[in-house]
Structure formats: C-alpha cells, structure tokens
PDB file of N, CA and C in Angstrom:
ATOM      1  N   MET A   1     186.975 123.469  83.840  1.00  0.00           N
ATOM      2  CA  MET A   1     187.435 124.041  82.593  1.00  0.00           C
ATOM      3  C   MET A   1     186.473 124.980  82.102  1.00  0.00           C
ATOM      4  N   VAL A   2     185.422 124.436  81.905  1.00  0.00           N
ATOM      5  CA  VAL A   2     184.391 125.058  81.257  1.00  0.00           C
ATOM      6  C   VAL A   2     183.555 126.069  81.851  1.00  0.00           C
ATOM      7  N   GLU A   3     183.454 126.231  83.019  1.00  0.00           N
ATOM      8  CA  GLU A   3     182.667 126.901  83.918  1.00  0.00           C
ATOM      9  C   GLU A   3     183.902 127.963  84.198  1.00  0.00           C
ATOM     10  N   ASN A   4     185.127 127.609  84.310  1.00  0.00           N
ATOM     11  CA  ASN A   4     186.086 128.812  84.719  1.00  0.00           C
ATOM     12  C   ASN A   4     186.639 129.687  83.657  1.00  0.00           C
ATOM     13  N   HIS A   5     186.977 129.130  82.623  1.00  0.00           N
ATOM     14  CA  HIS A   5     187.675 129.709  81.765  1.00  0.00           C
ATOM     15  C   HIS A   5     187.029 129.447  80.608  1.00  0.00           C
ATOM     16  N   ARG A   6     185.793 129.837  80.005  1.00  0.00           N
ATOM     17  CA  ARG A   6     185.018 129.614  79.161  1.00  0.00           C
ATOM     18  C   ARG A   6     185.870 129.790  77.590  1.00  0.00           C
ATOM     19  N   GLN A   7     186.330 131.347  77.447  1.00  0.00           N
ATOM     20  CA  GLN A   7     187.051 131.536  76.418  1.00  0.00           C
ATOM     21  C   GLN A   7     188.193 130.924  76.262  1.00  0.00           C
ATOM     22  N   TYR A   8     188.750 129.940  76.926  1.00  0.00           N
ATOM     23  CA  TYR A   8     190.091 129.458  76.602  1.00  0.00           C
ATOM     24  C   TYR A   8     189.867 128.663  75.466  1.00  0.00           C
ATOM     25  N   LYS A   9     191.081 128.803  74.468  1.00  0.00           N
ATOM     26  CA  LYS A   9     191.028 128.236  73.175  1.00  0.00           C
ATOM     27  C   LYS A   9     189.673 128.309  72.556  1.00  0.00           C
ATOM     28  N   ASN A  10     189.283 129.463  72.567  1.00  0.00           N
ATOM     29  CA  ASN A  10     187.941 129.508  71.739  1.00  0.00           C
ATOM     30  C   ASN A  10     186.788 128.484  72.039  1.00  0.00           C
ATOM     31  N   ASP A  11     186.614 128.321  73.398  1.00  0.00           N
ATOM     32  CA  ASP A  11     185.542 127.650  73.969  1.00  0.00           C
ATOM     33  C   ASP A  11     185.650 126.154  73.711  1.00  0.00           C
ATOM     34  N   GLY A  12     187.251 125.741  73.613  1.00  0.00           N
ATOM     35  CA  GLY A  12     187.531 124.459  73.435  1.00  0.00           C
ATOM     36  C   GLY A  12     186.836 123.338  74.276  1.00  0.00           C
ATOM     37  N   ALA A  13     186.690 123.551  75.455  1.00  0.00           N
ATOM     38  CA  ALA A  13     186.645 122.600  76.692  1.00  0.00           C
ATOM     39  C   ALA A  13     185.058 121.737  76.251  1.00  0.00           C
ATOM     40  N   ARG A  14     184.121 122.865  76.053  1.00  0.00           N
ATOM     41  CA  ARG A  14     182.846 123.096  75.907  1.00  0.00           C
ATOM     42  C   ARG A  14     182.667 122.003  74.435  1.00  0.00           C
ATOM     43  N   LYS A  15     183.373 122.524  73.514  1.00  0.00           N
ATOM     44  CA  LYS A  15     183.487 121.967  71.937  1.00  0.00           C
ATOM     45  C   LYS A  15     183.839 120.639  72.182  1.00  0.00           C
ATOM     46  N   ALA A  16     185.036 120.202  72.824  1.00  0.00           N
ATOM     47  CA  ALA A  16     185.401 119.035  73.160  1.00  0.00           C
ATOM     48  C   ALA A  16     184.330 118.107  73.787  1.00  0.00           C
ATOM     49  N   MET A  17     183.634 118.652  74.773  1.00  0.00           N
ATOM     50  CA  MET A  17     182.775 117.715  75.440  1.00  0.00           C
ATOM     51  C   MET A  17     181.634 117.301  74.422  1.00  0.00           C
ATOM     52  N   ILE A  18     180.929 118.317  73.708  1.00  0.00           N
ATOM     53  CA  ILE A  18     180.002 118.091  73.015  1.00  0.00           C
ATOM     54  C   ILE A  18     180.381 116.960  71.593  1.00  0.00           C
ATOM     55  N   SER A  19     181.616 116.975  71.425  1.00  0.00           N
ATOM     56  CA  SER A  19     182.331 116.186  70.267  1.00  0.00           C
ATOM     57  C   SER A  19     182.386 114.498  71.129  1.00  0.00           C
ATOM     58  N   ILE A  20     182.571 114.523  72.177  1.00  0.00           N
ATOM     59  CA  ILE A  20     182.529 113.117  72.698  1.00  0.00           C
ATOM     60  C   ILE A  20     181.252 112.699  73.223  1.00  0.00           C
ATOM     61  N   PHE A  21     180.108 113.573  73.411  1.00  0.00           N
ATOM     62  CA  PHE A  21     178.819 113.369  73.575  1.00  0.00           C
ATOM     63  C   PHE A  21     178.117 112.636  72.391  1.00  0.00           C
ATOM     64  N   ASN A  22     178.989 113.432  71.158  1.00  0.00           N
ATOM     65  CA  ASN A  22     178.381 112.867  70.004  1.00  0.00           C
ATOM     66  C   ASN A  22     178.830 111.333  69.455  1.00  0.00           C
ATOM     67  N   LEU A  23     179.963 111.294  69.726  1.00  0.00           N
ATOM     68  CA  LEU A  23     180.718 110.191  69.591  1.00  0.00           C
ATOM     69  C   LEU A  23     180.070 108.674  70.420  1.00  0.00           C
ATOM     70  N   LEU A  24     179.636 108.900  71.462  1.00  0.00           N
ATOM     71  CA  LEU A  24     179.150 108.083  72.313  1.00  0.00           C
ATOM     72  C   LEU A  24     177.715 107.855  72.168  1.00  0.00           C
ATOM     73  N   GLY A  25     177.085 108.813  71.667  1.00  0.00           N
ATOM     74  CA  GLY A  25     175.415 109.196  71.260  1.00  0.00           C
ATOM     75  C   GLY A  25     174.563 109.237  72.776  1.00  0.00           C
ATOM     76  N   ASN A  26     173.446 109.833  72.035  1.00  0.00           N
ATOM     77  CA  ASN A  26     172.731 110.283  73.223  1.00  0.00           C
ATOM     78  C   ASN A  26     171.929 109.217  74.454  1.00  0.00           C
ATOM     79  N   THR A  27     172.042 108.159  74.063  1.00  0.00           N
ATOM     80  CA  THR A  27     171.470 107.141  74.973  1.00  0.00           C
ATOM     81  C   THR A  27     172.772 106.769  75.944  1.00  0.00           C
ATOM     82  N   HIS A  28     173.992 107.210  75.785  1.00  0.00           N
ATOM     83  CA  HIS A  28     175.109 106.233  76.619  1.00  0.00           C
ATOM     84  C   HIS A  28     175.125 107.210  77.920  1.00  0.00           C
ATOM     85  N   PRO A  29     174.956 106.491  79.118  1.00  0.00           N
ATOM     86  CA  PRO A  29     174.770 106.752  80.350  1.00  0.00           C
ATOM     87  C   PRO A  29     175.869 108.060  80.869  1.00  0.00           C
ATOM     88  N   LEU A  30     177.001 107.882  79.951  1.00  0.00           N
ATOM     89  CA  LEU A  30     177.911 109.435  80.535  1.00  0.00           C
ATOM     90  C   LEU A  30     177.487 110.417  79.785  1.00  0.00           C
ATOM     91  N   THR A  31     176.945 110.131  78.614  1.00  0.00           N
ATOM     92  CA  THR A  31     176.524 111.566  78.068  1.00  0.00           C
ATOM     93  C   THR A  31     175.432 111.924  78.739  1.00  0.00           C
ATOM     94  N   LYS A  32     174.185 111.275  79.029  1.00  0.00           N
ATOM     95  CA  LYS A  32     173.143 111.670  79.757  1.00  0.00           C
ATOM     96  C   LYS A  32     173.683 112.285  81.138  1.00  0.00           C
ATOM     97  N   GLN A  33     174.619 111.675  81.850  1.00  0.00           N
ATOM     98  CA  GLN A  33     175.049 112.398  83.030  1.00  0.00           C
ATOM     99  C   GLN A  33     175.447 113.558  82.910  1.00  0.00           C
ATOM    100  N   TYR A  34     176.618 113.759  81.975  1.00  0.00           N
ATOM    101  CA  TYR A  34     177.727 115.011  81.774  1.00  0.00           C
ATOM    102  C   TYR A  34     176.836 116.099  80.866  1.00  0.00           C
ATOM    103  N   GLN A  35     176.178 115.636  80.052  1.00  0.00           N
ATOM    104  CA  GLN A  35     175.320 116.771  79.123  1.00  0.00           C
ATOM    105  C   GLN A  35     174.642 117.373  80.602  1.00  0.00           C
ATOM    106  N   GLN A  36     174.118 117.005  81.055  1.00  0.00           N
ATOM    107  CA  GLN A  36     173.098 117.470  82.318  1.00  0.00           C
ATOM    108  C   GLN A  36     173.829 118.630  83.123  1.00  0.00           C
ATOM    109  N   GLU A  37     175.075 118.018  83.468  1.00  0.00           N
ATOM    110  CA  GLU A  37     176.035 119.012  84.014  1.00  0.00           C
ATOM    111  C   GLU A  37     176.289 120.082  83.177  1.00  0.00           C
ATOM    112  N   LEU A  38     176.835 120.025  82.071  1.00  0.00           N
ATOM    113  CA  LEU A  38     177.161 121.006  81.306  1.00  0.00           C
ATOM    114  C   LEU A  38     176.055 122.015  80.897  1.00  0.00           C
ATOM    115  N   MET A  39     175.179 121.541  80.539  1.00  0.00           N
ATOM    116  CA  MET A  39     173.809 122.570  80.595  1.00  0.00           C
ATOM    117  C   MET A  39     173.811 123.377  81.757  1.00  0.00           C
ATOM    118  N   MET A  40     173.708 122.566  83.075  1.00  0.00           N
ATOM    119  CA  MET A  40     173.409 123.482  84.382  1.00  0.00           C
ATOM    120  C   MET A  40     174.615 124.506  84.612  1.00  0.00           C
ATOM    121  N   ILE A  41     175.911 124.158  84.194  1.00  0.00           N
ATOM    122  CA  ILE A  41     176.780 125.198  84.306  1.00  0.00           C
ATOM    123  C   ILE A  41     176.766 126.145  83.252  1.00  0.00           C
ATOM    124  N   LEU A  42     176.601 126.072  81.935  1.00  0.00           N
ATOM    125  CA  LEU A  42     176.615 127.065  81.004  1.00  0.00           C
ATOM    126  C   LEU A  42     175.131 127.719  80.948  1.00  0.00           C
ATOM    127  N   TYR A  43     174.036 127.204  81.538  1.00  0.00           N
ATOM    128  CA  TYR A  43     172.918 128.006  81.745  1.00  0.00           C
ATOM    129  C   TYR A  43     172.281 128.298  82.955  1.00  0.00           C
TER     130      TYR A  43
END
C-alpha cells in the first residue's frame, strides 16, 4: 500500500507504520526489519 498508493488517505499507510514503530520502540526486531524496508520503498 505504501509503495503503490502513497497518497491514499493522505499517506495513511506510512503514518500508521511509523506509529506502530513508535509503539514497539526502536530496538524491537520488527521495527528494525520493517523500518528499513519502508525506507527502501520511500527513498
């Protein structure tokens, strides 16, 4: 969703992922894995 429809719901998918990363914390394994994937998609 983030990659193909970035403007859907005012970038809602990306914002939701960032909120989840914040809840889990920077050291959580899922945050580390998916934060890196998100950055590769966006940039």
